[in-house]
Structure formats: C-alpha cells, structure tokens
C-alpha cells in the first residue's frame, strides 16, 4: 500500500534525525500558522477582523468552539475555545489560546494540523455522500458521474472502517505511541466529534478574499459551479449540488493545499510535552494519506474529463487560478 512505502521513508528520516545525521527543512512556524488558516478549508473558522486603522494592526481572529484534540496521554479532550489571531498584512501568527492555555506558534501549528486531519477535513468526506448517485440507471445517462460516485462511496467506506486498524502497525513500527490503541479509540472519537460539530457558519469569509488565494478562488468558483450545475442538472438526478461541490472541488483542493503547505512532516514536533502525540499521527497522515495516489486506471480530474459539466467548470476556473483548477477532482480518491 502507498502509505507503507511512504512511512518507511518517514521511519528512515526519523532514525537519521535522532542520530543527528539530517535536519528537517527550515520552518517559519509563525508563517505556517497563517498559511494553515488562510490557505485551507479551516479558513471557514474566520470570525472577525480589526477595523481599519486599529492600533493593533490588520488582525483576523479564527475561533474554534468545542475544539477536539488528543492529549499526551492519548486521551480525547474537548476545549471550549481555541482561538488564533493572524496578522493579515504580514500573514504571520500573532497569538493563540486554548481555553486558559497560551500557545506559541509551534504548538498552534500542531493543533491546526490535527484539526485539519481529525475534525475539519472529515466533514468534507461526510458531506460528499450526498453529492453522489450510484444508481445503475445512470450507467447509460451519465457513466462518468456514476463512476466517480462509486469511487467516492467506496473510498469513504473503507476510510471510515479501516483507518483505525492501521494504528497497530504504526505502533509496532515506532511511528505512533501505544496510547493510540486504547479501546476508547481516541482518533475515532476526534473524527466523530468533528463530524457531529457540523460546519461553522462562515458568511463573513468574503473578508478574506484579498488575503487568501484559496478563499478568492473558492468564492468565485462556487458561483461558476452552481451556474453550470443548473444548466446540466438533468445529468445529476438525486444529487445535492452543495454536497457535490464540497466532495469534489473543496475536498481535492484541501488535500493539495495540505500537501503543498506542510512541506516537511518533521516540522510537527513529536517531542512536544503537551501535543507530541498528535504530531506523531500528523506526520503519518501527511506522508501516507494526503498526496495523490499514483497509477489510477480511471480519470479523476475535472480537467480532461470530456464531460460537458466538468469541462465547463474547469475552463472558467482555470482563468482564475490555473494551478488550483488543475487539481480539482471529480471524486474522493485520497
């Protein structure tokens, strides 16, 4: 499996690092915190910004209520509020706090990455289940969409039922701590909590269009998607357009941005005294479950699909941001 190959490389790197033979890439943790908030779907947790001319500067606050995390005893926890302030002009970390705990940028980055993989991104997978149609009647009417639907349903099913079973291997290999094997299944607890917390109300996210390449792209492409969906709605019976947008464009772009943003998994500090266990898992997920799966025998992109709906959306999206448009997937396959 792909993750096994990549975790072997991670194990080698960690072995060499512990012996002082290699170093991670340089990391600007203050800039990384801003990137993980502005350039991924976590941007929906933007709450408000300071008024123009405020003596504090151009500061944006990102709030996460009922914030789930796993402590260094591998116990599932929920904080009342995790809050992060970012300077929108410099795109750098200003301050962060989880309940009554003040956090530095390095700690904040671990929490933001864990929230991405354990609470935020899984919402996209869950919503995608309403943006598909696997009925055999579509095999003749819209075979490409049906194929994409089947892939999404199967990947979501195996991801939900199989992922926790991998922990035994990772513990045996020394990649994660034995506490992840607790019968309470702390990671599954975090996943389920994230899904049940639903989606943060984020109408004010348009404030970030000038400060986030991702938000600027999504705000415009969402309008394009729904205009084209309306034109081609006869091809997508029984399909929720919002869920389809989330399960295709948002989901795939979130993966690509996760991969581009966290360039080195070693940036996640597994020796952190408060949050190191989450960093362990964060490294494994980064190397094994974020980037594209090579060697697929079927087409999965909007680009080159030959389908009237997907091609129409792609052509217009590419005029806004070609790099982002090129990684828009038509199904969940990572």
Protein backbone atom coordinates (compact mmCIF):
# COMPACT_ATOMS: atom_id res chain seq x y z
CA UNK A 1 0.00 0.00 0.00
CA UNK A 2 1.10 3.56 -0.70
CA UNK A 3 1.21 4.62 2.95
CA UNK A 4 3.52 1.72 3.84
CA UNK A 5 6.12 2.81 1.31
CA UNK A 6 5.98 6.41 2.47
CA UNK A 7 6.02 5.59 6.18
CA UNK A 8 9.18 3.53 5.62
CA UNK A 9 10.80 6.70 4.29
CA UNK A 10 9.50 8.60 7.31
CA UNK A 11 10.96 5.99 9.67
CA UNK A 12 14.35 6.27 7.96
CA UNK A 13 14.30 10.05 8.21
CA UNK A 14 13.32 9.95 11.88
CA UNK A 15 16.10 7.42 12.58
CA UNK A 16 18.70 9.62 10.91
CA UNK A 17 17.37 12.74 12.63
CA UNK A 18 17.63 11.20 16.11
CA UNK A 19 21.26 10.44 15.40
CA UNK A 20 22.00 13.95 14.23
CA UNK A 21 22.70 12.93 10.65
CA UNK A 22 19.98 15.01 8.98
CA UNK A 23 17.92 18.07 9.76
CA UNK A 24 14.35 18.96 8.78
CA UNK A 25 13.76 21.73 6.28
CA UNK A 26 13.76 25.17 7.85
CA UNK A 27 10.30 26.16 9.09
CA UNK A 28 8.85 29.57 9.83
CA UNK A 29 6.20 28.48 12.34
CA UNK A 30 4.56 31.88 12.58
CA UNK A 31 4.05 31.98 8.82
CA UNK A 32 2.90 28.35 8.77
CA UNK A 33 0.10 29.04 11.25
CA UNK A 34 -1.21 31.77 8.99
CA UNK A 35 -0.94 29.53 5.93
CA UNK A 36 -2.85 26.66 7.55
CA UNK A 37 -5.67 29.07 8.41
CA UNK A 38 -5.81 31.15 5.26
CA UNK A 39 -4.95 28.56 2.61
CA UNK A 40 -7.05 25.53 3.62
CA UNK A 41 -10.69 24.90 4.42
CA UNK A 42 -10.01 25.87 8.04
CA UNK A 43 -10.47 29.39 6.71
CA UNK A 44 -14.19 28.95 7.50
CA UNK A 45 -13.29 29.50 11.17
CA UNK A 46 -12.51 33.13 10.46
CA UNK A 47 -14.66 35.15 12.86
CA UNK A 48 -13.80 38.83 12.54
CA UNK A 49 -11.01 41.33 11.95
CA UNK A 50 -9.94 44.61 13.49
CA UNK A 51 -11.33 47.77 11.99
CA UNK A 52 -9.27 49.73 9.51
CA UNK A 53 -6.73 51.94 11.27
CA UNK A 54 -6.81 49.95 14.50
CA UNK A 55 -3.62 50.40 16.51
CA UNK A 56 -3.26 46.61 16.77
CA UNK A 57 -2.98 46.33 13.02
CA UNK A 58 -4.92 44.28 10.48
CA UNK A 59 -5.64 41.30 12.71
CA UNK A 60 -8.01 38.43 11.92
CA UNK A 61 -9.40 36.13 14.60
CA UNK A 62 -10.12 32.47 13.95
CA UNK A 63 -12.31 30.75 16.53
CA UNK A 64 -12.84 27.01 17.04
CA UNK A 65 -15.54 26.21 19.59
CA UNK A 66 -15.81 22.75 21.17
CA UNK A 67 -12.33 22.07 19.85
CA UNK A 68 -11.31 18.41 19.92
CA UNK A 69 -7.75 17.24 20.48
CA UNK A 70 -5.81 14.32 21.95
CA UNK A 71 -3.51 14.99 24.89
CA UNK A 72 -0.12 13.42 25.55
CA UNK A 73 -1.73 10.57 27.46
CA UNK A 74 -3.67 9.79 24.27
CA UNK A 75 -6.92 10.82 25.88
CA UNK A 76 -9.58 12.52 23.77
CA UNK A 77 -10.31 16.04 25.01
CA UNK A 78 -12.59 18.92 24.05
CA UNK A 79 -11.66 22.53 24.75
CA UNK A 80 -14.35 25.18 24.96
CA UNK A 81 -12.46 27.53 22.65
CA UNK A 82 -9.30 27.51 20.56
CA UNK A 83 -8.60 31.00 19.22
CA UNK A 84 -5.83 32.14 16.88
CA UNK A 85 -5.02 35.69 15.75
CA UNK A 86 -3.25 36.27 12.44
CA UNK A 87 -1.81 39.48 11.00
CA UNK A 88 -3.36 39.72 7.53
CA UNK A 89 -0.74 42.13 6.25
CA UNK A 90 2.31 40.09 7.22
CA UNK A 91 0.45 36.76 7.16
CA UNK A 92 2.02 35.75 10.43
CA UNK A 93 0.92 34.34 13.77
CA UNK A 94 0.15 36.92 16.46
CA UNK A 95 -1.17 34.88 19.39
CA UNK A 96 -3.23 31.82 20.26
CA UNK A 97 -5.01 30.41 23.25
CA UNK A 98 -6.85 27.18 24.03
CA UNK A 99 -9.15 27.86 26.96
CA UNK A 100 -6.72 29.26 29.56
CA UNK A 101 -3.53 27.94 27.90
CA UNK A 102 -1.39 30.43 25.99
CA UNK A 103 0.22 28.82 22.96
CA UNK A 104 3.29 29.54 20.87
CA UNK A 105 3.35 29.19 17.08
CA UNK A 106 4.91 25.73 17.11
CA UNK A 107 2.21 24.36 19.42
CA UNK A 108 -0.50 26.12 17.44
CA UNK A 109 0.69 24.56 14.21
CA UNK A 110 0.34 21.05 15.70
CA UNK A 111 -3.22 21.83 16.80
CA UNK A 112 -4.15 23.32 13.43
CA UNK A 113 -2.77 20.32 11.56
CA UNK A 114 -4.50 17.85 13.85
CA UNK A 115 -7.77 19.74 13.50
CA UNK A 116 -7.36 19.56 9.73
CA UNK A 117 -6.96 15.78 9.65
CA UNK A 118 -9.25 14.85 12.54
CA UNK A 119 -12.13 17.32 12.55
CA UNK A 120 -12.21 19.69 9.59
CA UNK A 121 -11.36 17.60 6.55
CA UNK A 122 -13.59 14.68 7.57
CA UNK A 123 -16.60 16.97 7.24
CA UNK A 124 -15.87 17.19 3.53
CA UNK A 125 -15.84 13.40 3.26
CA UNK A 126 -19.13 13.15 5.15
CA UNK A 127 -20.90 15.81 3.09
CA UNK A 128 -19.71 14.21 -0.15
CA UNK A 129 -22.02 11.25 0.48
CA UNK A 130 -24.96 13.46 -0.51
CA UNK A 131 -23.30 14.61 -3.74
CA UNK A 132 -23.27 11.23 -5.46
CA UNK A 133 -25.62 8.85 -7.23
CA UNK A 134 -24.63 5.20 -7.76
CA UNK A 135 -27.92 4.07 -9.30
CA UNK A 136 -27.39 1.72 -12.24
CA UNK A 137 -29.79 3.82 -14.32
CA UNK A 138 -27.01 6.41 -14.63
CA UNK A 139 -24.68 3.95 -16.34
CA UNK A 140 -26.08 4.99 -19.72
CA UNK A 141 -27.15 8.58 -18.97
CA UNK A 142 -24.06 9.81 -17.13
CA UNK A 143 -21.48 6.99 -16.77
CA UNK A 144 -18.56 9.24 -15.77
CA UNK A 145 -20.51 10.75 -12.88
CA UNK A 146 -21.70 7.32 -11.76
CA UNK A 147 -18.12 6.03 -11.82
CA UNK A 148 -16.99 9.00 -9.74
CA UNK A 149 -19.85 8.37 -7.32
CA UNK A 150 -18.94 4.72 -6.85
CA UNK A 151 -15.30 5.64 -6.20
CA UNK A 152 -16.32 8.24 -3.60
CA UNK A 153 -18.68 5.90 -1.75
CA UNK A 154 -16.15 3.08 -1.67
CA UNK A 155 -13.26 5.29 -0.55
CA UNK A 156 -15.34 6.88 2.18
CA UNK A 157 -16.48 3.48 3.39
CA UNK A 158 -13.02 1.93 3.53
CA UNK A 159 -11.53 5.09 5.03
CA UNK A 160 -14.09 5.15 7.81
CA UNK A 161 -13.93 1.44 8.60
CA UNK A 162 -10.25 0.66 8.04
CA UNK A 163 -8.12 3.61 9.13
CA UNK A 164 -8.14 2.89 12.86
CA UNK A 165 -6.92 -0.64 12.13
CA UNK A 166 -3.61 0.72 10.85
CA UNK A 167 -2.56 2.00 14.28
CA UNK A 168 -1.25 -1.41 15.39
CA UNK A 169 1.25 -1.38 12.52
CA UNK A 170 2.30 2.20 13.24
CA UNK A 171 2.78 1.44 16.94
CA UNK A 172 4.83 -1.68 16.12
CA UNK A 173 7.00 0.40 13.78
CA UNK A 174 7.53 3.11 16.39
CA UNK A 175 5.74 5.79 14.42
CA UNK A 176 2.95 6.32 16.96
CA UNK A 177 2.61 5.66 20.68
CA UNK A 178 0.73 2.66 22.15
CA UNK A 179 -1.88 5.01 23.63
CA UNK A 180 -3.48 5.35 20.21
CA UNK A 181 -4.57 1.71 20.61
CA UNK A 182 -6.72 2.43 23.66
CA UNK A 183 -10.15 0.78 23.49
CA UNK A 184 -11.70 4.25 23.54
CA UNK A 185 -10.08 4.82 20.11
CA UNK A 186 -9.12 8.49 20.64
CA UNK A 187 -8.68 9.25 16.95
CA UNK A 188 -12.11 7.86 16.09
CA UNK A 189 -13.52 9.94 18.95
CA UNK A 190 -11.96 13.04 17.39
CA UNK A 191 -13.32 12.16 13.93
CA UNK A 192 -16.84 11.59 15.17
CA UNK A 193 -16.77 14.76 17.22
CA UNK A 194 -15.65 16.78 14.21
CA UNK A 195 -18.46 15.44 12.05
CA UNK A 196 -21.12 15.98 14.70
CA UNK A 197 -19.96 19.56 15.25
CA UNK A 198 -21.12 20.29 11.70
CA UNK A 199 -19.89 23.29 9.68
CA UNK A 200 -19.07 26.66 11.23
CA UNK A 201 -21.23 29.49 9.86
CA UNK A 202 -18.88 31.38 7.56
CA UNK A 203 -20.72 34.02 5.52
CA UNK A 204 -18.12 36.58 6.58
CA UNK A 205 -15.36 34.62 4.86
CA UNK A 206 -15.56 37.02 1.90
CA UNK A 207 -13.50 39.40 4.08
CA UNK A 208 -10.52 37.18 3.31
CA UNK A 209 -10.68 37.22 -0.49
CA UNK A 210 -7.91 39.83 -0.67
CA UNK A 211 -5.73 37.92 1.76
CA UNK A 212 -6.21 34.28 0.75
CA UNK A 213 -5.56 32.79 -2.67
CA UNK A 214 -7.71 29.82 -1.68
CA UNK A 215 -10.71 31.84 -0.48
CA UNK A 216 -10.57 34.11 -3.51
CA UNK A 217 -10.62 31.08 -5.80
CA UNK A 218 -13.38 29.20 -3.97
CA UNK A 219 -15.73 32.18 -3.70
CA UNK A 220 -15.60 32.69 -7.47
CA UNK A 221 -15.60 29.03 -8.50
CA UNK A 222 -18.54 28.19 -6.27
CA UNK A 223 -20.67 30.62 -8.30
CA UNK A 224 -19.37 29.08 -11.53
CA UNK A 225 -20.09 25.56 -10.28
CA UNK A 226 -23.71 26.27 -9.40
CA UNK A 227 -24.39 28.14 -12.63
CA UNK A 228 -23.14 25.16 -14.61
CA UNK A 229 -24.86 22.68 -12.30
CA UNK A 230 -28.16 24.38 -13.00
CA UNK A 231 -27.53 24.09 -16.76
CA UNK A 232 -26.70 20.39 -16.51
CA UNK A 233 -28.99 19.39 -13.62
CA UNK A 234 -30.71 16.73 -15.72
CA UNK A 235 -27.42 14.80 -15.69
CA UNK A 236 -27.33 14.69 -11.88
CA UNK A 237 -30.67 13.35 -10.58
CA UNK A 238 -30.95 12.93 -6.84
CA UNK A 239 -27.70 14.81 -6.27
CA UNK A 240 -27.23 17.68 -3.85
CA UNK A 241 -25.19 20.38 -5.61
CA UNK A 242 -23.66 21.78 -2.42
CA UNK A 243 -22.50 18.35 -1.33
CA UNK A 244 -21.10 17.65 -4.79
CA UNK A 245 -19.14 20.92 -4.75
CA UNK A 246 -17.75 20.08 -1.32
CA UNK A 247 -16.93 16.47 -2.20
CA UNK A 248 -15.15 17.32 -5.43
CA UNK A 249 -13.62 20.80 -5.63
CA UNK A 250 -13.28 21.63 -1.92
CA UNK A 251 -12.12 18.17 -0.91
CA UNK A 252 -9.46 17.75 -3.59
CA UNK A 253 -8.14 21.28 -3.22
CA UNK A 254 -7.91 20.87 0.56
CA UNK A 255 -5.74 17.79 0.01
CA UNK A 256 -3.48 19.55 -2.47
CA UNK A 257 -3.08 22.55 -0.21
CA UNK A 258 -2.31 20.33 2.78
CA UNK A 259 0.41 18.70 0.71
CA UNK A 260 1.83 21.97 -0.60
CA UNK A 261 1.63 23.80 2.73
CA UNK A 262 3.26 21.27 5.08
CA UNK A 263 6.39 20.66 3.05
CA UNK A 264 8.12 18.59 5.73
CA UNK A 265 6.31 16.28 8.19
CA UNK A 266 9.26 16.69 10.56
CA UNK A 267 8.01 20.20 11.29
CA UNK A 268 5.45 18.55 13.57
CA UNK A 269 7.27 18.20 16.89
CA UNK A 270 6.68 14.70 18.28
CA UNK A 271 8.64 15.65 21.40
CA UNK A 272 6.31 18.48 22.34
CA UNK A 273 5.39 17.89 26.02
CA UNK A 274 1.72 18.78 25.51
CA UNK A 275 0.85 17.92 21.95
CA UNK A 276 3.52 15.49 20.74
CA UNK A 277 1.15 12.55 20.32
CA UNK A 278 -0.93 14.50 17.82
CA UNK A 279 2.29 15.39 15.99
CA UNK A 280 3.11 11.67 15.68
CA UNK A 281 -0.12 10.95 13.87
CA UNK A 282 0.12 14.18 11.91
CA UNK A 283 3.40 13.06 10.39
CA UNK A 284 1.96 9.68 9.34
CA UNK A 285 -1.11 11.24 7.75
CA UNK A 286 0.98 13.81 5.89
CA UNK A 287 3.24 11.22 4.26
CA UNK A 288 0.68 8.48 3.71
CA UNK A 289 -2.75 9.94 3.09
CA UNK A 290 -2.53 13.47 1.69
CA UNK A 291 -0.97 13.43 -1.78
CA UNK A 292 -2.36 11.90 -4.97
CA UNK A 293 -2.44 8.12 -5.41
CA UNK A 294 -0.36 7.22 -8.49
CA UNK A 295 -1.29 4.65 -11.11
CA UNK A 296 -5.07 5.03 -11.16
CA UNK A 297 -6.68 3.32 -14.14
CA UNK A 298 -9.54 5.82 -14.38
CA UNK A 299 -9.76 9.57 -14.92
CA UNK A 300 -10.47 11.65 -11.83
CA UNK A 301 -9.91 15.31 -12.75
CA UNK A 302 -12.30 17.99 -13.96
CA UNK A 303 -9.59 18.80 -16.49
CA UNK A 304 -9.60 16.39 -19.41
CA UNK A 305 -12.74 14.57 -18.29
CA UNK A 306 -14.51 15.12 -21.61
CA UNK A 307 -17.71 15.67 -19.64
CA UNK A 308 -19.71 18.82 -20.53
CA UNK A 309 -20.30 19.87 -16.91
CA UNK A 310 -16.83 19.25 -15.51
CA UNK A 311 -15.07 20.73 -18.54
CA UNK A 312 -17.20 23.87 -18.44
CA UNK A 313 -16.39 24.43 -14.77
CA UNK A 314 -12.70 23.74 -15.35
CA UNK A 315 -12.33 26.16 -18.27
CA UNK A 316 -13.73 29.05 -16.23
CA UNK A 317 -11.90 28.06 -13.03
CA UNK A 318 -8.57 27.88 -14.87
CA UNK A 319 -8.91 31.53 -15.84
CA UNK A 320 -9.00 32.42 -12.13
CA UNK A 321 -6.20 30.14 -10.92
CA UNK A 322 -4.81 27.51 -13.24
CA UNK A 323 -2.79 25.72 -10.55
CA UNK A 324 -5.84 25.21 -8.36
CA UNK A 325 -8.13 24.28 -11.26
CA UNK A 326 -5.73 21.58 -12.43
CA UNK A 327 -6.10 19.62 -9.15
CA UNK A 328 -9.91 19.67 -8.95
CA UNK A 329 -11.06 16.05 -8.67
CA UNK A 330 -14.43 14.61 -9.65
CA UNK A 331 -14.40 12.03 -6.84
CA UNK A 332 -12.83 11.23 -3.49
CA UNK A 333 -9.82 9.01 -4.04
CA UNK A 334 -7.43 10.27 -1.35
